Amino acid sequence: MAFEVGQRVIAEKSGRRKRTARAPMRPPRHGVVERVLRGDPNPRYEIRWDEGTSSIYSPMNGGIQLDPTYTKGGKKKKEKAAAEKE
């Protein structure tokens, strides 16, 4: 799946395979696509993560997905629904 600039994405969980008390799995990362550096079949994106850092990300085997809680405009779906009711 190809992503566009401005779309919110979630990167898959990474880190250790076995979860233990000393080394738990890392949670998924949330961010916004800032630039598309290369398209399909081997995409590469610059992503600004919610933690404030940016990185170049080359997803493998579905390692990145659209964030289902946000619309294309970047607003949360719940906020958009509330604004439409008013």
C-alpha atoms as a PDB file:
ATOM      1  CA  MET A   1       0.000   0.000   0.000  1.00  0.00           C
ATOM      2  CA  ALA A   2       1.318   3.429  -0.945  1.00  0.00           C
ATOM      3  CA  PHE A   3       0.966   6.397   1.400  1.00  0.00           C
ATOM      4  CA  GLU A   4       0.674  10.106   0.672  1.00  0.00           C
ATOM      5  CA  VAL A   5       2.135  13.149   2.393  1.00  0.00           C
ATOM      6  CA  GLY A   6       0.070  14.119   5.443  1.00  0.00           C
ATOM      7  CA  GLN A   7      -1.369  10.682   6.163  1.00  0.00           C
ATOM      8  CA  ARG A   8      -1.170   9.377   9.734  1.00  0.00           C
ATOM      9  CA  VAL A   9       0.439   5.968  10.009  1.00  0.00           C
ATOM     10  CA  ILE A  10       1.246   3.298  12.573  1.00  0.00           C
ATOM     11  CA  ALA A  11       4.502   1.322  12.385  1.00  0.00           C
ATOM     12  CA  GLU A  12       4.291  -2.266  13.579  1.00  0.00           C
ATOM     13  CA  LYS A  13       5.500  -3.356  16.958  1.00  0.00           C
ATOM     14  CA  SER A  14       9.200  -4.048  16.970  1.00  0.00           C
ATOM     15  CA  GLY A  15      11.845  -5.168  19.349  1.00  0.00           C
ATOM     16  CA  ARG A  16      11.985  -8.410  21.240  1.00  0.00           C
ATOM     17  CA  ARG A  17       9.913 -11.379  20.107  1.00  0.00           C
ATOM     18  CA  LYS A  18       9.318 -12.844  23.568  1.00  0.00           C
ATOM     19  CA  ARG A  19       7.743 -10.583  26.116  1.00  0.00           C
ATOM     20  CA  THR A  20       9.310 -10.738  29.552  1.00  0.00           C
ATOM     21  CA  ALA A  21       9.222  -8.489  32.589  1.00  0.00           C
ATOM     22  CA  ARG A  22      12.761  -7.252  31.880  1.00  0.00           C
ATOM     23  CA  ALA A  23      12.355  -6.767  28.135  1.00  0.00           C
ATOM     24  CA  PRO A  24       8.763  -6.055  27.070  1.00  0.00           C
ATOM     25  CA  MET A  25       7.826  -5.572  23.422  1.00  0.00           C
ATOM     26  CA  ARG A  26       7.902  -2.004  22.197  1.00  0.00           C
ATOM     27  CA  PRO A  27       4.502  -0.482  21.415  1.00  0.00           C
ATOM     28  CA  PRO A  28       3.642   0.584  17.854  1.00  0.00           C
ATOM     29  CA  ARG A  29       4.824   4.067  16.753  1.00  0.00           C
ATOM     30  CA  HIS A  30       2.450   6.725  15.431  1.00  0.00           C
ATOM     31  CA  GLY A  31       3.464   9.430  12.994  1.00  0.00           C
ATOM     32  CA  VAL A  32       2.767  11.525   9.889  1.00  0.00           C
ATOM     33  CA  VAL A  33       4.243  10.990   6.424  1.00  0.00           C
ATOM     34  CA  GLU A  34       6.300  14.112   5.675  1.00  0.00           C
ATOM     35  CA  ARG A  35       7.807  13.096   2.298  1.00  0.00           C
ATOM     36  CA  VAL A  36       7.574  10.195  -0.119  1.00  0.00           C
ATOM     37  CA  LEU A  37      11.182   9.522  -1.079  1.00  0.00           C
ATOM     38  CA  ARG A  38      10.467   6.531  -3.306  1.00  0.00           C
ATOM     39  CA  GLY A  39       7.208   4.882  -4.396  1.00  0.00           C
ATOM     40  CA  ASP A  40       6.230   1.263  -4.976  1.00  0.00           C
ATOM     41  CA  PRO A  41       7.480  -1.468  -5.293  1.00  0.00           C
ATOM     42  CA  ASN A  42      10.097  -0.588  -2.616  1.00  0.00           C
ATOM     43  CA  PRO A  43       8.651   2.485  -0.902  1.00  0.00           C
ATOM     44  CA  ARG A  44      10.596   4.810   1.335  1.00  0.00           C
ATOM     45  CA  TYR A  45       9.076   7.551   3.498  1.00  0.00           C
ATOM     46  CA  GLU A  46      10.239  10.307   5.796  1.00  0.00           C
ATOM     47  CA  ILE A  47       7.990  10.090   8.861  1.00  0.00           C
ATOM     48  CA  ARG A  48       7.679  12.570  11.740  1.00  0.00           C
ATOM     49  CA  TRP A  49       6.874  10.460  14.797  1.00  0.00           C
ATOM     50  CA  ASP A  50       4.645  11.703  17.616  1.00  0.00           C
ATOM     51  CA  GLU A  51       7.665  11.618  19.956  1.00  0.00           C
ATOM     52  CA  GLY A  52       9.097  14.537  17.959  1.00  0.00           C
ATOM     53  CA  THR A  53      11.742  12.691  15.945  1.00  0.00           C
ATOM     54  CA  SER A  54      11.873  12.086  12.192  1.00  0.00           C
ATOM     55  CA  SER A  55      13.269   9.083  10.373  1.00  0.00           C
ATOM     56  CA  ILE A  56      13.465   7.463   6.971  1.00  0.00           C
ATOM     57  CA  TYR A  57      11.275   4.360   6.983  1.00  0.00           C
ATOM     58  CA  SER A  58      11.274   1.520   4.443  1.00  0.00           C
ATOM     59  CA  PRO A  59       8.377  -0.762   5.431  1.00  0.00           C
ATOM     60  CA  MET A  60       8.672  -4.479   4.790  1.00  0.00           C
ATOM     61  CA  ASN A  61       5.782  -6.954   4.626  1.00  0.00           C
ATOM     62  CA  GLY A  62       3.078  -4.560   5.784  1.00  0.00           C
ATOM     63  CA  GLY A  63       5.178  -3.030   8.549  1.00  0.00           C
ATOM     64  CA  ILE A  64       3.240   0.225   8.313  1.00  0.00           C
ATOM     65  CA  GLN A  65      -0.521   0.908   8.188  1.00  0.00           C
ATOM     66  CA  LEU A  66      -2.892   3.847   8.042  1.00  0.00           C
ATOM     67  CA  ASP A  67      -3.937   5.039  11.492  1.00  0.00           C
ATOM     68  CA  PRO A  68      -7.641   4.048  11.644  1.00  0.00           C
ATOM     69  CA  THR A  69      -8.460   6.650  14.312  1.00  0.00           C
ATOM     70  CA  TYR A  70      -7.675   9.603  12.004  1.00  0.00           C
ATOM     71  CA  THR A  71      -9.256  10.938   8.822  1.00  0.00           C
ATOM     72  CA  LYS A  72      -7.239  12.039   5.788  1.00  0.00           C
ATOM     73  CA  GLY A  73      -7.326  15.656   7.010  1.00  0.00           C
ATOM     74  CA  GLY A  74      -5.515  14.692  10.212  1.00  0.00           C
ATOM     75  CA  LYS A  75      -8.476  15.075  12.596  1.00  0.00           C
ATOM     76  CA  LYS A  76      -9.606  12.283  14.855  1.00  0.00           C
ATOM     77  CA  LYS A  77     -12.777  10.612  13.603  1.00  0.00           C
ATOM     78  CA  LYS A  78     -14.588  11.358  16.885  1.00  0.00           C
ATOM     79  CA  GLU A  79     -13.727  15.081  16.643  1.00  0.00           C
ATOM     80  CA  LYS A  80     -14.898  15.206  13.029  1.00  0.00           C
ATOM     81  CA  ALA A  81     -18.229  13.553  13.898  1.00  0.00           C
ATOM     82  CA  ALA A  82     -18.797  16.018  16.770  1.00  0.00           C
ATOM     83  CA  ALA A  83     -18.063  18.995  14.510  1.00  0.00           C
ATOM     84  CA  GLU A  84     -20.537  17.738  11.885  1.00  0.00           C
ATOM     85  CA  LYS A  85     -23.325  17.429  14.495  1.00  0.00           C
ATOM     86  CA  GLU A  86     -22.973  21.094  15.522  1.00  0.00           C
END
